[in-house]
Amino acid sequence: VIRQVRPDLVITHHPDRNYHNVAPSHPDHRAV
């Protein structure tokens, strides 16, 4: 999809666990 869309910017999840707020650290989020 990157090669199809050819974006200048990609926005995605942080891959590291957030120890201050666990909600963003769903395993799927970190894997993606």
Full PDB file with SEQRES, HELIX, SHEET, SSBOND, CRYST1, ORIGX, SCALE, CONECT and MASTER records, all heavy atoms in Angstrom:
SEQRES   1 A   32  VAL ILE ARG GLN VAL ARG PRO ASP LEU VAL ILE THR HIS          
SEQRES   2 A   32  HIS PRO ASP ARG ASN TYR HIS ASN VAL ALA PRO SER HIS          
SEQRES   3 A   32  PRO ASP HIS ARG ALA VAL                                      
HELIX    1 AA1 ILE A    2  VAL A    5  1                                   4    
HELIX    2 AA2 ALA A   23  SER A   25  5                                   3    
HELIX    3 AA3 PRO A   27  ALA A   31  1                                   5    
CRYST1    1.000    1.000    1.000  90.00  90.00  90.00 P 1           1          
ORIGX1      1.000000  0.000000  0.000000        0.00000                         
ORIGX2      0.000000  1.000000  0.000000        0.00000                         
ORIGX3      0.000000  0.000000  1.000000        0.00000                         
SCALE1      1.000000  0.000000  0.000000        0.00000                         
SCALE2      0.000000  1.000000  0.000000        0.00000                         
SCALE3      0.000000  0.000000  1.000000        0.00000                         
ATOM      1  N   VAL A   1       0.829  -1.203   0.000  1.00  0.00           N  
ATOM      2  CA  VAL A   1       0.000   0.000   0.000  1.00  0.00           C  
ATOM      3  C   VAL A   1       0.865   1.254   0.000  1.00  0.00           C  
ATOM      4  O   VAL A   1       0.517   2.251  -0.639  1.00  0.00           O  
ATOM      5  CB  VAL A   1      -0.976  -0.026   1.187  1.00  0.00           C  
ATOM      6  CG1 VAL A   1      -1.819   1.246   1.230  1.00  0.00           C  
ATOM      7  CG2 VAL A   1      -1.887  -1.253   1.098  1.00  0.00           C  
ATOM      8  N   ILE A   2       1.996   1.229   0.682  1.00  0.00           N  
ATOM      9  CA  ILE A   2       2.910   2.371   0.611  1.00  0.00           C  
ATOM     10  C   ILE A   2       3.319   2.618  -0.836  1.00  0.00           C  
ATOM     11  O   ILE A   2       3.320   3.764  -1.312  1.00  0.00           O  
ATOM     12  CB  ILE A   2       4.156   2.130   1.491  1.00  0.00           C  
ATOM     13  CG1 ILE A   2       3.781   2.219   2.979  1.00  0.00           C  
ATOM     14  CG2 ILE A   2       5.257   3.147   1.161  1.00  0.00           C  
ATOM     15  CD1 ILE A   2       4.908   1.854   3.919  1.00  0.00           C  
ATOM     16  N   ARG A   3       3.645   1.567  -1.569  1.00  0.00           N  
ATOM     17  CA  ARG A   3       4.059   1.745  -2.966  1.00  0.00           C  
ATOM     18  C   ARG A   3       2.890   2.165  -3.854  1.00  0.00           C  
ATOM     19  O   ARG A   3       3.098   2.860  -4.859  1.00  0.00           O  
ATOM     20  CB  ARG A   3       4.698   0.452  -3.478  1.00  0.00           C  
ATOM     21  CG  ARG A   3       6.014   0.132  -2.796  1.00  0.00           C  
ATOM     22  CD  ARG A   3       6.688  -1.058  -3.431  1.00  0.00           C  
ATOM     23  NE  ARG A   3       7.913  -1.441  -2.713  1.00  0.00           N  
ATOM     24  CZ  ARG A   3       8.777  -2.347  -3.143  1.00  0.00           C  
ATOM     25  NH1 ARG A   3       8.550  -2.983  -4.298  1.00  0.00           N  
ATOM     26  NH2 ARG A   3       9.854  -2.645  -2.439  1.00  0.00           N  
ATOM     27  N   GLN A   4       1.674   1.776  -3.497  1.00  0.00           N  
ATOM     28  CA  GLN A   4       0.508   2.213  -4.257  1.00  0.00           C  
ATOM     29  C   GLN A   4       0.198   3.685  -3.995  1.00  0.00           C  
ATOM     30  O   GLN A   4      -0.038   4.460  -4.925  1.00  0.00           O  
ATOM     31  CB  GLN A   4      -0.708   1.360  -3.874  1.00  0.00           C  
ATOM     32  CG  GLN A   4      -0.663  -0.077  -4.348  1.00  0.00           C  
ATOM     33  CD  GLN A   4      -1.776  -0.923  -3.739  1.00  0.00           C  
ATOM     34  OE1 GLN A   4      -2.356  -0.563  -2.709  1.00  0.00           O  
ATOM     35  NE2 GLN A   4      -2.073  -2.060  -4.365  1.00  0.00           N  
ATOM     36  N   VAL A   5       0.196   4.084  -2.732  1.00  0.00           N  
ATOM     37  CA  VAL A   5      -0.208   5.432  -2.338  1.00  0.00           C  
ATOM     38  C   VAL A   5       0.919   6.443  -2.507  1.00  0.00           C  
ATOM     39  O   VAL A   5       0.696   7.605  -2.811  1.00  0.00           O  
ATOM     40  CB  VAL A   5      -0.712   5.416  -0.876  1.00  0.00           C  
ATOM     41  CG1 VAL A   5      -0.999   6.821  -0.360  1.00  0.00           C  
ATOM     42  CG2 VAL A   5      -1.951   4.541  -0.756  1.00  0.00           C  
ATOM     43  N   ARG A   6       2.169   6.001  -2.270  1.00  0.00           N  
ATOM     44  CA  ARG A   6       3.365   6.836  -2.374  1.00  0.00           C  
ATOM     45  C   ARG A   6       3.272   8.069  -1.468  1.00  0.00           C  
ATOM     46  O   ARG A   6       3.408   9.213  -1.911  1.00  0.00           O  
ATOM     47  CB  ARG A   6       3.624   7.219  -3.834  1.00  0.00           C  
ATOM     48  CG  ARG A   6       3.744   5.990  -4.740  1.00  0.00           C  
ATOM     49  CD  ARG A   6       3.833   6.329  -6.206  1.00  0.00           C  
ATOM     50  NE  ARG A   6       5.161   6.729  -6.605  1.00  0.00           N  
ATOM     51  CZ  ARG A   6       6.173   5.889  -6.841  1.00  0.00           C  
ATOM     52  NH1 ARG A   6       6.011   4.587  -6.686  1.00  0.00           N  
ATOM     53  NH2 ARG A   6       7.340   6.343  -7.221  1.00  0.00           N  
ATOM     54  N   PRO A   7       3.085   7.834  -0.161  1.00  0.00           N  
ATOM     55  CA  PRO A   7       2.906   8.953   0.777  1.00  0.00           C  
ATOM     56  C   PRO A   7       4.228   9.636   1.134  1.00  0.00           C  
ATOM     57  O   PRO A   7       5.289   9.017   1.149  1.00  0.00           O  
ATOM     58  CB  PRO A   7       2.313   8.270   2.003  1.00  0.00           C  
ATOM     59  CG  PRO A   7       2.927   6.896   1.979  1.00  0.00           C  
ATOM     60  CD  PRO A   7       3.002   6.532   0.515  1.00  0.00           C  
ATOM     61  N   ASP A   8       4.123  10.910   1.449  1.00  0.00           N  
ATOM     62  CA  ASP A   8       5.259  11.638   2.020  1.00  0.00           C  
ATOM     63  C   ASP A   8       5.369  11.350   3.516  1.00  0.00           C  
ATOM     64  O   ASP A   8       6.464  11.310   4.077  1.00  0.00           O  
ATOM     65  CB  ASP A   8       5.075  13.144   1.802  1.00  0.00           C  
ATOM     66  CG  ASP A   8       4.841  13.472   0.344  1.00  0.00           C  
ATOM     67  OD1 ASP A   8       5.759  13.245  -0.468  1.00  0.00           O  
ATOM     68  OD2 ASP A   8       3.729  13.925   0.013  1.00  0.00           O  
ATOM     69  N   LEU A   9       4.204  11.154   4.154  1.00  0.00           N  
ATOM     70  CA  LEU A   9       4.116  10.958   5.599  1.00  0.00           C  
ATOM     71  C   LEU A   9       3.283   9.731   5.904  1.00  0.00           C  
ATOM     72  O   LEU A   9       2.219   9.535   5.300  1.00  0.00           O  
ATOM     73  CB  LEU A   9       3.470  12.194   6.247  1.00  0.00           C  
ATOM     74  CG  LEU A   9       3.064  12.106   7.725  1.00  0.00           C  
ATOM     75  CD1 LEU A   9       4.291  11.985   8.618  1.00  0.00           C  
ATOM     76  CD2 LEU A   9       2.219  13.314   8.119  1.00  0.00           C  
ATOM     77  N   VAL A  10       3.747   8.906   6.840  1.00  0.00           N  
ATOM     78  CA  VAL A  10       2.962   7.800   7.377  1.00  0.00           C  
ATOM     79  C   VAL A  10       2.688   8.086   8.846  1.00  0.00           C  
ATOM     80  O   VAL A  10       3.591   8.474   9.592  1.00  0.00           O  
ATOM     81  CB  VAL A  10       3.687   6.448   7.220  1.00  0.00           C  
ATOM     82  CG1 VAL A  10       3.053   5.367   8.104  1.00  0.00           C  
ATOM     83  CG2 VAL A  10       3.675   5.997   5.758  1.00  0.00           C  
ATOM     84  N   ILE A  11       1.440   7.899   9.258  1.00  0.00           N  
ATOM     85  CA  ILE A  11       1.050   7.999  10.663  1.00  0.00           C  
ATOM     86  C   ILE A  11       0.657   6.600  11.124  1.00  0.00           C  
ATOM     87  O   ILE A  11      -0.144   5.931  10.470  1.00  0.00           O  
ATOM     88  CB  ILE A  11      -0.130   8.969  10.859  1.00  0.00           C  
ATOM     89  CG1 ILE A  11       0.231  10.372  10.360  1.00  0.00           C  
ATOM     90  CG2 ILE A  11      -0.550   9.021  12.326  1.00  0.00           C  
ATOM     91  CD1 ILE A  11      -0.930  11.360  10.389  1.00  0.00           C  
ATOM     92  N   THR A  12       1.215   6.160  12.253  1.00  0.00           N  
ATOM     93  CA  THR A  12       0.907   4.818  12.743  1.00  0.00           C  
ATOM     94  C   THR A  12       1.098   4.756  14.261  1.00  0.00           C  
ATOM     95  O   THR A  12       1.449   5.751  14.902  1.00  0.00           O  
ATOM     96  CB  THR A  12       1.765   3.760  12.025  1.00  0.00           C  
ATOM     97  OG1 THR A  12       1.262   2.449  12.311  1.00  0.00           O  
ATOM     98  CG2 THR A  12       3.236   3.850  12.427  1.00  0.00           C  
ATOM     99  N   HIS A  13       0.864   3.577  14.820  1.00  0.00           N  
ATOM    100  CA  HIS A  13       0.995   3.375  16.261  1.00  0.00           C  
ATOM    101  C   HIS A  13       2.463   3.362  16.697  1.00  0.00           C  
ATOM    102  O   HIS A  13       3.339   2.892  15.958  1.00  0.00           O  
ATOM    103  CB  HIS A  13       0.406   2.024  16.667  1.00  0.00           C  
ATOM    104  CG  HIS A  13      -1.032   1.840  16.318  1.00  0.00           C  
ATOM    105  ND1 HIS A  13      -2.049   2.426  17.024  1.00  0.00           N  
ATOM    106  CD2 HIS A  13      -1.625   1.094  15.342  1.00  0.00           C  
ATOM    107  CE1 HIS A  13      -3.215   2.051  16.500  1.00  0.00           C  
ATOM    108  NE2 HIS A  13      -2.986   1.251  15.489  1.00  0.00           N  
ATOM    109  N   HIS A  14       2.694   3.798  17.928  1.00  0.00           N  
ATOM    110  CA  HIS A  14       4.010   3.617  18.535  1.00  0.00           C  
ATOM    111  C   HIS A  14       4.197   2.132  18.838  1.00  0.00           C  
ATOM    112  O   HIS A  14       3.305   1.496  19.402  1.00  0.00           O  
ATOM    113  CB  HIS A  14       4.117   4.425  19.824  1.00  0.00           C  
ATOM    114  CG  HIS A  14       5.528   4.740  20.206  1.00  0.00           C  
ATOM    115  ND1 HIS A  14       6.442   3.766  20.545  1.00  0.00           N  
ATOM    116  CD2 HIS A  14       6.189   5.926  20.278  1.00  0.00           C  
ATOM    117  CE1 HIS A  14       7.604   4.333  20.829  1.00  0.00           C  
ATOM    118  NE2 HIS A  14       7.473   5.642  20.672  1.00  0.00           N  
ATOM    119  N   PRO A  15       5.336   1.544  18.469  1.00  0.00           N  
ATOM    120  CA  PRO A  15       5.513   0.102  18.675  1.00  0.00           C  
ATOM    121  C   PRO A  15       5.920  -0.290  20.092  1.00  0.00           C  
ATOM    122  O   PRO A  15       5.953  -1.484  20.411  1.00  0.00           O  
ATOM    123  CB  PRO A  15       6.631  -0.254  17.687  1.00  0.00           C  
ATOM    124  CG  PRO A  15       7.447   1.002  17.603  1.00  0.00           C  
ATOM    125  CD  PRO A  15       6.452   2.128  17.703  1.00  0.00           C  
ATOM    126  N   ASP A  16       6.212   0.682  20.942  1.00  0.00           N  
ATOM    127  CA  ASP A  16       6.662   0.384  22.302  1.00  0.00           C  
ATOM    128  C   ASP A  16       5.502   0.508  23.287  1.00  0.00           C  
ATOM    129  O   ASP A  16       4.576   1.302  23.099  1.00  0.00           O  
ATOM    130  CB  ASP A  16       7.771   1.339  22.732  1.00  0.00           C  
ATOM    131  CG  ASP A  16       9.026   1.194  21.885  1.00  0.00           C  
ATOM    132  OD1 ASP A  16       9.191   0.129  21.255  1.00  0.00           O  
ATOM    133  OD2 ASP A  16       9.817   2.153  21.841  1.00  0.00           O  
ATOM    134  N   ARG A  17       5.569  -0.256  24.357  1.00  0.00           N  
ATOM    135  CA  ARG A  17       4.539  -0.182  25.389  1.00  0.00           C  
ATOM    136  C   ARG A  17       4.633   1.148  26.131  1.00  0.00           C  
ATOM    137  O   ARG A  17       5.730   1.599  26.479  1.00  0.00           O  
ATOM    138  CB  ARG A  17       4.705  -1.342  26.376  1.00  0.00           C  
ATOM    139  CG  ARG A  17       3.530  -1.484  27.348  1.00  0.00           C  
ATOM    140  CD  ARG A  17       3.742  -2.626  28.311  1.00  0.00           C  
ATOM    141  NE  ARG A  17       3.864  -3.921  27.635  1.00  0.00           N  
ATOM    142  CZ  ARG A  17       2.824  -4.667  27.243  1.00  0.00           C  
ATOM    143  NH1 ARG A  17       1.589  -4.224  27.436  1.00  0.00           N  
ATOM    144  NH2 ARG A  17       3.021  -5.827  26.666  1.00  0.00           N  
ATOM    145  N   ASN A  18       3.484   1.769  26.330  1.00  0.00           N  
ATOM    146  CA  ASN A  18       3.399   3.020  27.071  1.00  0.00           C  
ATOM    147  C   ASN A  18       3.069   2.683  28.521  1.00  0.00           C  
ATOM    148  O   ASN A  18       1.960   2.259  28.835  1.00  0.00           O  
ATOM    149  CB  ASN A  18       2.314   3.924  26.462  1.00  0.00           C  
ATOM    150  CG  ASN A  18       2.241   5.281  27.109  1.00  0.00           C  
ATOM    151  OD1 ASN A  18       2.633   5.461  28.260  1.00  0.00           O  
ATOM    152  ND2 ASN A  18       1.725   6.252  26.379  1.00  0.00           N  
ATOM    153  N   TYR A  19       4.024   2.882  29.410  1.00  0.00           N  
ATOM    154  CA  TYR A  19       3.820   2.533  30.812  1.00  0.00           C  
ATOM    155  C   TYR A  19       3.111   3.630  31.598  1.00  0.00           C  
ATOM    156  O   TYR A  19       2.766   3.433  32.760  1.00  0.00           O  
ATOM    157  CB  TYR A  19       5.156   2.196  31.462  1.00  0.00           C  
ATOM    158  CG  TYR A  19       5.734   0.889  30.956  1.00  0.00           C  
ATOM    159  CD1 TYR A  19       6.747   0.876  30.013  1.00  0.00           C  
ATOM    160  CD2 TYR A  19       5.238  -0.336  31.417  1.00  0.00           C  
ATOM    161  CE1 TYR A  19       7.269  -0.327  29.538  1.00  0.00           C  
ATOM    162  CE2 TYR A  19       5.754  -1.538  30.948  1.00  0.00           C  
ATOM    163  CZ  TYR A  19       6.769  -1.525  30.007  1.00  0.00           C  
ATOM    164  OH  TYR A  19       7.275  -2.708  29.538  1.00  0.00           O  
ATOM    165  N   HIS A  20       2.873   4.776  30.970  1.00  0.00           N  
ATOM    166  CA  HIS A  20       2.132   5.845  31.623  1.00  0.00           C  
ATOM    167  C   HIS A  20       0.633   5.721  31.367  1.00  0.00           C  
ATOM    168  O   HIS A  20      -0.179   6.205  32.142  1.00  0.00           O  
ATOM    169  CB  HIS A  20       2.624   7.216  31.141  1.00  0.00           C  
ATOM    170  CG  HIS A  20       4.065   7.472  31.415  1.00  0.00           C  
ATOM    171  ND1 HIS A  20       4.556   7.659  32.681  1.00  0.00           N  
ATOM    172  CD2 HIS A  20       5.137   7.547  30.575  1.00  0.00           C  
ATOM    173  CE1 HIS A  20       5.869   7.855  32.627  1.00  0.00           C  
ATOM    174  NE2 HIS A  20       6.241   7.780  31.362  1.00  0.00           N  
ATOM    175  N   ASN A  21       0.279   5.091  30.244  1.00  0.00           N  
ATOM    176  CA  ASN A  21      -1.120   4.935  29.848  1.00  0.00           C  
ATOM    177  C   ASN A  21      -1.208   3.669  29.004  1.00  0.00           C  
ATOM    178  O   ASN A  21      -0.769   3.640  27.861  1.00  0.00           O  
ATOM    179  CB  ASN A  21      -1.588   6.157  29.050  1.00  0.00           C  
ATOM    180  CG  ASN A  21      -3.027   6.040  28.596  1.00  0.00           C  
ATOM    181  OD1 ASN A  21      -3.783   5.184  29.059  1.00  0.00           O  
ATOM    182  ND2 ASN A  21      -3.414   6.896  27.662  1.00  0.00           N  
ATOM    183  N   VAL A  22      -1.774   2.623  29.564  1.00  0.00           N  
ATOM    184  CA  VAL A  22      -1.715   1.310  28.914  1.00  0.00           C  
ATOM    185  C   VAL A  22      -2.630   1.212  27.696  1.00  0.00           C  
ATOM    186  O   VAL A  22      -2.400   0.392  26.803  1.00  0.00           O  
ATOM    187  CB  VAL A  22      -2.049   0.195  29.927  1.00  0.00           C  
ATOM    188  CG1 VAL A  22      -3.535   0.188  30.264  1.00  0.00           C  
ATOM    189  CG2 VAL A  22      -1.607  -1.170  29.415  1.00  0.00           C  
ATOM    190  N   ALA A  23      -3.664   2.058  27.613  1.00  0.00           N  
ATOM    191  CA  ALA A  23      -4.665   1.906  26.560  1.00  0.00           C  
ATOM    192  C   ALA A  23      -4.086   1.901  25.137  1.00  0.00           C  
ATOM    193  O   ALA A  23      -4.524   1.114  24.296  1.00  0.00           O  
ATOM    194  CB  ALA A  23      -5.734   2.990  26.694  1.00  0.00           C  
ATOM    195  N   PRO A  24      -3.098   2.767  24.826  1.00  0.00           N  
ATOM    196  CA  PRO A  24      -2.580   2.741  23.458  1.00  0.00           C  
ATOM    197  C   PRO A  24      -1.705   1.526  23.145  1.00  0.00           C  
ATOM    198  O   PRO A  24      -1.299   1.348  21.992  1.00  0.00           O  
ATOM    199  CB  PRO A  24      -1.735   4.024  23.369  1.00  0.00           C  
ATOM    200  CG  PRO A  24      -2.152   4.862  24.520  1.00  0.00           C  
ATOM    201  CD  PRO A  24      -2.550   3.894  25.593  1.00  0.00           C  
ATOM    202  N   SER A  25      -1.416   0.690  24.148  1.00  0.00           N  
ATOM    203  CA  SER A  25      -0.428  -0.370  23.987  1.00  0.00           C  
ATOM    204  C   SER A  25      -1.047  -1.735  23.733  1.00  0.00           C  
ATOM    205  O   SER A  25      -0.465  -2.765  24.054  1.00  0.00           O  
ATOM    206  CB  SER A  25       0.477  -0.432  25.228  1.00  0.00           C  
ATOM    207  OG  SER A  25       1.178   0.770  25.401  1.00  0.00           O  
ATOM    208  N   HIS A  26      -2.241  -1.761  23.163  1.00  0.00           N  
ATOM    209  CA  HIS A  26      -2.855  -3.019  22.743  1.00  0.00           C  
ATOM    210  C   HIS A  26      -1.839  -3.799  21.898  1.00  0.00           C  
ATOM    211  O   HIS A  26      -1.107  -3.204  21.099  1.00  0.00           O  
ATOM    212  CB  HIS A  26      -4.105  -2.700  21.913  1.00  0.00           C  
ATOM    213  CG  HIS A  26      -4.951  -3.884  21.557  1.00  0.00           C  
ATOM    214  ND1 HIS A  26      -4.529  -4.867  20.692  1.00  0.00           N  
ATOM    215  CD2 HIS A  26      -6.211  -4.230  21.938  1.00  0.00           C  
ATOM    216  CE1 HIS A  26      -5.485  -5.760  20.547  1.00  0.00           C  
ATOM    217  NE2 HIS A  26      -6.516  -5.411  21.295  1.00  0.00           N  
ATOM    218  N   PRO A  27      -1.744  -5.117  22.067  1.00  0.00           N  
ATOM    219  CA  PRO A  27      -0.765  -5.883  21.284  1.00  0.00           C  
ATOM    220  C   PRO A  27      -0.883  -5.669  19.782  1.00  0.00           C  
ATOM    221  O   PRO A  27       0.133  -5.620  19.074  1.00  0.00           O  
ATOM    222  CB  PRO A  27      -1.070  -7.334  21.676  1.00  0.00           C  
ATOM    223  CG  PRO A  27      -1.666  -7.244  23.026  1.00  0.00           C  
ATOM    224  CD  PRO A  27      -2.461  -5.971  23.052  1.00  0.00           C  
ATOM    225  N   ASP A  28      -2.113  -5.550  19.280  1.00  0.00           N  
ATOM    226  CA  ASP A  28      -2.287  -5.284  17.847  1.00  0.00           C  
ATOM    227  C   ASP A  28      -1.666  -3.949  17.461  1.00  0.00           C  
ATOM    228  O   ASP A  28      -1.068  -3.810  16.382  1.00  0.00           O  
ATOM    229  CB  ASP A  28      -3.769  -5.264  17.479  1.00  0.00           C  
ATOM    230  CG  ASP A  28      -4.419  -6.631  17.465  1.00  0.00           C  
ATOM    231  OD1 ASP A  28      -3.708  -7.639  17.646  1.00  0.00           O  
ATOM    232  OD2 ASP A  28      -5.648  -6.697  17.264  1.00  0.00           O  
ATOM    233  N   HIS A  29      -1.815  -2.943  18.317  1.00  0.00           N  
ATOM    234  CA  HIS A  29      -1.246  -1.625  18.018  1.00  0.00           C  
ATOM    235  C   HIS A  29       0.272  -1.724  17.879  1.00  0.00           C  
ATOM    236  O   HIS A  29       0.869  -1.200  16.923  1.00  0.00           O  
ATOM    237  CB  HIS A  29      -1.569  -0.628  19.134  1.00  0.00           C  
ATOM    238  CG  HIS A  29      -3.012  -0.300  19.267  1.00  0.00           C  
ATOM    239  ND1 HIS A  29      -3.478   0.620  20.190  1.00  0.00           N  
ATOM    240  CD2 HIS A  29      -4.113  -0.768  18.629  1.00  0.00           C  
ATOM    241  CE1 HIS A  29      -4.797   0.710  20.100  1.00  0.00           C  
ATOM    242  NE2 HIS A  29      -5.203  -0.132  19.163  1.00  0.00           N  
ATOM    243  N   ARG A  30       0.884  -2.388  18.858  1.00  0.00           N  
ATOM    244  CA  ARG A  30       2.353  -2.474  18.839  1.00  0.00           C  
ATOM    245  C   ARG A  30       2.845  -3.290  17.648  1.00  0.00           C  
ATOM    246  O   ARG A  30       3.863  -2.948  17.019  1.00  0.00           O  
ATOM    247  CB  ARG A  30       2.845  -3.064  20.163  1.00  0.00           C  
ATOM    248  CG  ARG A  30       2.647  -2.089  21.335  1.00  0.00           C  
ATOM    249  CD  ARG A  30       3.181  -2.630  22.649  1.00  0.00           C  
ATOM    250  NE  ARG A  30       2.281  -3.606  23.245  1.00  0.00           N  
ATOM    251  CZ  ARG A  30       2.597  -4.855  23.523  1.00  0.00           C  
ATOM    252  NH1 ARG A  30       3.813  -5.316  23.235  1.00  0.00           N  
ATOM    253  NH2 ARG A  30       1.725  -5.672  24.079  1.00  0.00           N  
ATOM    254  N   ALA A  31       2.114  -4.357  17.302  1.00  0.00           N  
ATOM    255  CA  ALA A  31       2.507  -5.178  16.152  1.00  0.00           C  
ATOM    256  C   ALA A  31       2.375  -4.398  14.858  1.00  0.00           C  
ATOM    257  O   ALA A  31       3.251  -4.463  13.983  1.00  0.00           O  
ATOM    258  CB  ALA A  31       1.656  -6.443  16.104  1.00  0.00           C  
ATOM    259  N   VAL A  32       1.293  -3.655  14.725  1.00  0.00           N  
ATOM    260  CA  VAL A  32       1.081  -2.874  13.504  1.00  0.00           C  
ATOM    261  C   VAL A  32       2.089  -1.736  13.416  1.00  0.00           C  
ATOM    262  O   VAL A  32       2.666  -1.486  12.343  1.00  0.00           O  
ATOM    263  CB  VAL A  32      -0.360  -2.337  13.455  1.00  0.00           C  
ATOM    264  CG1 VAL A  32      -0.521  -1.297  12.348  1.00  0.00           C  
ATOM    265  CG2 VAL A  32      -1.341  -3.492  13.233  1.00  0.00           C  
TER     266      VAL A  32                                                      
MASTER        0    0    0    3    0    0    0    6  265    1    0    3          
END                                                                             
